[in-house]
Protein backbone atom coordinates (compact mmCIF):
# COMPACT_ATOMS: atom_id res chain seq x y z
CA MET A 1 0.00 0.00 0.00
CA ILE A 2 1.27 3.46 -0.87
CA PRO A 3 2.56 5.16 2.33
CA GLY A 4 0.27 8.16 1.92
CA LEU A 5 -2.78 5.96 1.47
CA LEU A 6 -1.74 3.83 4.46
CA SER A 7 -1.56 6.93 6.62
CA GLU A 8 -5.02 8.03 5.52
CA TYR A 9 -6.37 4.54 6.10
CA LEU A 10 -4.95 4.35 9.61
CA LYS A 11 -6.25 7.82 10.40
CA THR A 12 -9.72 6.90 9.17
CA GLU A 13 -9.73 3.65 11.17
CA PHE A 14 -8.59 5.48 14.30
CA GLU A 15 -11.24 8.18 13.97
CA TYR A 16 -13.90 5.53 13.32
CA SER A 17 -12.87 3.59 16.43
CA MET A 18 -12.73 6.72 18.57
CA ALA A 19 -16.17 7.79 17.35
CA GLU A 20 -17.60 4.63 18.86
CA MET A 21 -16.14 5.38 22.30
CA TRP A 22 -17.63 7.50 25.06
CA PHE A 23 -15.44 9.35 27.56
CA SER A 24 -17.44 12.15 29.21
CA CYS A 25 -20.24 14.54 28.32
CA PRO A 26 -23.08 16.50 29.96
CA GLY A 27 -26.34 14.69 30.52
CA ILE A 28 -29.93 15.51 31.47
CA VAL A 29 -31.72 13.37 34.04
CA THR A 30 -34.93 12.08 32.47
CA SER A 31 -36.22 10.07 35.44
CA VAL A 32 -35.21 8.95 38.91
CA SER A 33 -35.43 5.36 40.11
CA GLY A 34 -37.94 5.12 42.96
CA ASP A 35 -36.98 7.23 45.96
CA LEU A 36 -33.31 7.46 44.87
CA SER A 37 -32.32 5.12 47.71
CA ASP A 38 -30.23 3.04 45.30
CA LEU A 39 -28.71 6.16 43.67
CA ARG A 40 -29.89 5.28 40.17
CA VAL A 41 -31.20 7.54 37.40
CA ASN A 42 -31.92 7.49 33.67
CA VAL A 43 -30.01 10.09 31.68
CA LYS A 44 -30.04 11.46 28.14
CA PRO A 45 -26.69 12.75 26.81
CA ALA A 46 -27.11 16.51 26.38
CA ILE A 47 -24.94 16.90 23.27
CA ASN A 48 -26.49 15.40 20.15
CA GLU A 49 -24.77 13.15 17.62
CA LEU A 50 -23.26 15.08 14.68
CA TYR A 51 -22.91 13.31 11.33
CA ALA A 52 -20.57 14.06 8.43
CA ASP A 53 -23.38 15.58 6.38
CA GLY A 54 -24.08 18.12 9.13
CA SER A 55 -27.28 16.51 10.41
CA THR A 56 -27.77 15.82 14.12
CA GLU A 57 -29.72 13.33 16.19
CA GLU A 58 -30.60 13.09 19.87
CA HIS A 59 -29.24 10.15 21.80
CA LEU A 60 -31.45 7.60 23.48
CA ASP A 61 -31.74 7.54 27.27
CA ILE A 62 -29.06 5.65 29.14
CA LEU A 63 -30.81 3.50 31.73
CA SER A 64 -29.82 2.61 35.31
CA VAL A 65 -26.96 5.07 35.60
CA PRO A 66 -25.32 5.02 39.05
CA VAL A 67 -25.00 8.43 40.72
CA ILE A 68 -21.93 9.59 42.62
CA MET A 69 -22.59 11.40 45.90
CA PRO A 70 -19.82 12.20 48.41
CA GLY A 71 -19.70 9.26 50.78
CA SER A 72 -18.27 5.99 52.01
CA SER A 73 -19.63 2.77 53.52
CA THR A 74 -20.39 4.60 56.78
CA THR A 75 -21.01 8.23 55.73
CA LEU A 76 -22.98 9.94 52.98
CA VAL A 77 -23.88 13.45 51.92
CA SER A 78 -27.12 12.93 50.01
CA PHE A 79 -29.51 15.31 48.28
CA PRO A 80 -32.49 15.13 45.92
CA ILE A 81 -32.02 14.74 42.17
CA ASN A 82 -34.88 15.67 39.89
CA ALA A 83 -35.79 15.07 36.27
CA GLY A 84 -34.30 17.92 34.25
CA ASP A 85 -31.17 18.25 36.39
CA THR A 86 -27.90 18.31 34.47
CA VAL A 87 -25.04 15.97 35.38
CA LEU A 88 -21.60 15.07 34.10
CA LEU A 89 -21.49 11.62 32.53
CA VAL A 90 -18.24 9.66 32.61
CA PHE A 91 -17.92 6.23 31.02
CA SER A 92 -16.17 3.18 32.43
CA GLN A 93 -13.41 1.55 30.41
CA ARG A 94 -15.03 -1.83 31.08
CA SER A 95 -18.53 -3.24 31.31
CA MET A 96 -20.13 -2.28 34.64
CA ASP A 97 -23.13 -4.63 34.49
CA ASN A 98 -21.82 -7.10 37.07
CA PHE A 99 -20.33 -4.40 39.26
CA LYS A 100 -23.65 -2.53 39.52
CA ILE A 101 -25.50 -5.60 40.78
CA GLY A 102 -22.60 -6.90 42.89
CA ASN A 103 -21.35 -6.20 46.42
CA GLY A 104 -18.56 -3.78 45.54
CA GLN A 105 -15.86 -6.45 45.33
CA PRO A 106 -13.76 -7.11 42.18
CA THR A 107 -15.85 -8.81 39.51
CA GLN A 108 -15.50 -10.07 35.97
CA PRO A 109 -16.74 -7.77 33.16
CA ASN A 110 -19.89 -8.98 31.48
CA ASP A 111 -18.32 -8.69 28.00
CA ALA A 112 -15.37 -7.10 26.21
CA ARG A 113 -16.89 -3.70 25.53
CA LYS A 114 -14.98 -0.53 26.46
CA PHE A 115 -16.07 3.09 26.94
CA GLN A 116 -19.65 2.44 25.90
CA ALA A 117 -22.74 4.51 26.66
CA GLU A 118 -24.38 1.84 28.83
CA ASP A 119 -21.48 2.09 31.28
CA ALA A 120 -22.13 5.70 32.25
CA ILE A 121 -21.72 7.17 35.73
CA ALA A 122 -23.52 10.42 36.68
CA ILE A 123 -21.90 13.16 38.76
CA PRO A 124 -24.40 15.86 39.85
CA GLY A 125 -23.54 19.54 40.02
CA LEU A 126 -22.85 20.43 36.39
CA PHE A 127 -24.78 23.54 35.26
CA THR A 128 -25.01 25.78 32.27
CA PHE A 129 -23.81 29.27 33.16
CA SER A 130 -27.32 30.73 33.13
CA LYS A 131 -28.74 27.93 35.31
CA SER A 132 -26.10 27.98 38.04
CA THR A 133 -27.74 27.72 41.48
CA ASN A 134 -24.82 29.63 43.01
CA ARG A 135 -26.21 32.93 41.68
CA PRO A 136 -27.11 35.24 44.60
CA ALA A 137 -29.94 36.72 42.51
CA ILE A 138 -32.04 33.53 42.84
CA ARG A 139 -31.24 32.85 46.48
CA LYS A 140 -33.43 33.90 49.39
CA TYR A 141 -30.51 34.50 51.72
CA PRO A 142 -27.42 36.47 50.66
CA HIS A 143 -23.96 34.98 50.35
CA ASN A 144 -20.66 35.79 48.69
CA PRO A 145 -19.91 33.11 46.06
CA LYS A 146 -16.21 33.99 46.07
CA THR A 147 -15.54 33.68 49.80
CA ASP A 148 -18.33 31.79 51.59
CA LEU A 149 -19.05 28.09 52.05
CA VAL A 150 -22.80 27.56 51.74
CA VAL A 151 -25.02 24.48 51.99
CA ALA A 152 -28.49 25.38 50.71
CA HIS A 153 -31.66 23.36 50.14
CA ASN A 154 -34.96 24.22 48.40
CA ILE A 155 -33.17 26.98 46.50
CA ALA A 156 -35.39 29.71 45.04
CA SER A 157 -38.43 28.51 46.98
CA GLY A 158 -40.43 29.70 49.95
CA THR A 159 -38.83 27.09 52.20
CA GLU A 160 -35.18 27.72 51.37
CA VAL A 161 -32.83 26.80 54.21
CA MET A 162 -29.12 27.58 54.33
CA LEU A 163 -26.03 26.86 56.42
CA HIS A 164 -23.72 29.79 55.84
CA PHE A 165 -20.02 29.53 56.75
CA LYS A 166 -18.58 33.01 56.27
CA GLN A 167 -14.99 33.89 55.49
CA THR A 168 -14.87 35.70 58.86
CA GLY A 169 -15.42 32.38 60.65
CA ASP A 170 -19.06 33.14 61.51
CA LEU A 171 -21.69 30.44 61.09
CA ILE A 172 -25.29 31.40 60.28
CA VAL A 173 -28.33 29.12 60.01
CA ASN A 174 -31.05 30.70 57.88
CA THR A 175 -34.61 29.39 57.67
CA GLU A 176 -38.15 30.62 58.16
CA GLN A 177 -39.22 27.16 59.28
CA ALA A 178 -38.55 25.09 62.41
CA VAL A 179 -35.12 24.14 63.73
CA THR A 180 -35.00 20.99 65.86
CA VAL A 181 -31.97 19.43 67.55
CA ASN A 182 -32.38 15.91 68.96
CA CYS A 183 -29.68 14.49 71.21
CA LYS A 184 -29.10 12.61 74.47
CA THR A 185 -27.26 15.46 76.19
CA GLY A 186 -26.68 18.98 74.90
CA GLU A 187 -24.38 21.83 75.79
CA LEU A 188 -23.92 25.36 74.45
CA ASN A 189 -20.72 27.19 75.29
CA ALA A 190 -20.09 30.87 74.58
CA THR A 191 -16.93 32.53 75.87
CA GLU A 192 -18.45 36.04 75.96
CA SER A 193 -22.25 36.08 75.79
CA TYR A 194 -25.30 34.22 74.50
CA THR A 195 -28.43 36.08 73.42
CA ILE A 196 -31.89 34.69 72.62
CA ASN A 197 -34.31 37.03 70.86
CA THR A 198 -37.86 35.66 70.63
CA PRO A 199 -41.40 36.80 71.49
CA THR A 200 -41.99 33.63 73.54
CA MET A 201 -39.58 31.15 75.07
CA ASN A 202 -40.78 27.83 76.47
CA ILE A 203 -38.61 25.57 78.59
CA ASN A 204 -40.01 22.14 79.44
CA ALA A 205 -37.85 20.54 82.12
CA ASP A 206 -38.48 18.48 85.25
CA THR A 207 -35.65 20.34 86.97
CA THR A 208 -34.01 23.61 86.01
CA ASN A 209 -30.71 24.49 87.70
CA TRP A 210 -29.42 28.07 87.52
CA VAL A 211 -25.85 28.91 88.51
CA GLY A 212 -25.03 32.59 88.81
CA ASP A 213 -27.03 35.81 88.98
CA ILE A 214 -30.38 36.33 87.25
CA ILE A 215 -31.17 39.80 85.95
CA GLN A 216 -34.74 40.13 84.72
CA SER A 217 -36.57 42.81 82.74
CA GLY A 218 -40.26 42.45 81.99
CA ASN A 219 -43.02 40.28 83.37
CA TYR A 220 -42.42 36.86 84.89
CA ASN A 221 -45.18 34.28 85.27
CA GLN A 222 -44.59 30.99 87.06
CA THR A 223 -46.74 27.94 87.72
CA GLY A 224 -45.50 25.53 90.35
CA ASN A 225 -43.23 25.62 93.38
CA TYR A 226 -40.22 27.89 93.61
CA THR A 227 -37.24 27.16 95.87
CA MET A 228 -34.29 29.51 96.18
CA THR A 229 -31.02 29.40 98.07
CA GLY A 230 -29.38 32.80 98.33
CA VAL A 231 -30.48 36.41 98.72
CA ALA A 232 -33.61 37.68 96.96
CA THR A 233 -33.95 41.45 96.65
CA PHE A 234 -37.10 43.22 95.39
CA ASN A 235 -36.82 46.96 94.69
CA GLY A 236 -33.87 47.17 97.06
CA ILE A 237 -35.60 45.24 99.87
CA ASN A 238 -34.05 42.01 101.17
CA PHE A 239 -36.92 39.54 100.92
CA ALA A 240 -35.62 37.23 103.70
CA THR A 241 -34.77 39.79 106.44
CA HIS A 242 -37.09 42.76 105.85
CA LYS A 243 -39.56 43.90 108.51
CA HIS A 244 -43.13 45.23 108.26
CA LEU A 245 -44.48 48.31 109.98
CA GLY A 246 -48.00 48.80 111.30
CA VAL A 247 -48.72 45.15 111.95
CA THR A 248 -52.14 44.65 113.57
CA PRO A 249 -53.52 41.52 115.25
CA GLY A 250 -56.30 39.42 113.82
CA SER A 251 -57.24 39.77 110.21
CA GLY A 252 -55.45 43.07 109.55
CA THR A 253 -52.74 43.50 106.98
CA SER A 254 -49.20 44.71 107.50
CA GLY A 255 -47.87 48.08 106.49
CA ILE A 256 -45.07 48.98 104.13
CA ALA A 257 -42.03 46.77 104.28
CA THR A 258 -38.65 48.23 105.14
CA ALA A 259 -35.17 46.99 104.32
């Protein structure tokens, strides 16, 4: 074969072989398997096939695509995935059929295929520039995309909730809904002060132990017994040692108390 023709032949064969291989591309989630507990979705590649004559064609859905979420056998950061979400598809160099239904141990490939569409893996978090969910304009609570670490859920909705780790070291929890902490024992430590601002505060406890002074402003209503050890002073009058003037026998009432 003439050297020039051989070179063209090899080039054509190489390009033909490469055209049959998949490496990575954006994808669009078309459906989610059940409640996502097995981290499986169906995905359509988002970049269409382009033929030599200039025509294009959409790809078929790739079924049962495993989803990568940050985690291990004992820890997982999980979040919802919805139809229409964009992901990055990467393609295994070997058949993943047996691996996907196995126990995570080394397994034989089902066949000799390499870099094929059916062996896709989906990585969430790929967005077009205009659809990025990191844009402050669509967020309920402000953040600085360049300096802040933010974990947000229900973005651009009425129930958006956000953990905001600021560059200054401050941590802010933002939500207009309920915040509940469940634990066996709990402790809050503040080296300078701790402030609670709320119209109503309810404490449900069989026993409440206070250590230190109590300074109160506003009304105080109590139901139940009250036991105190220490000095109680009301308007400058020692409650334990004060005396009353004008005491009368029988059913009379005492006069004004003095310190």
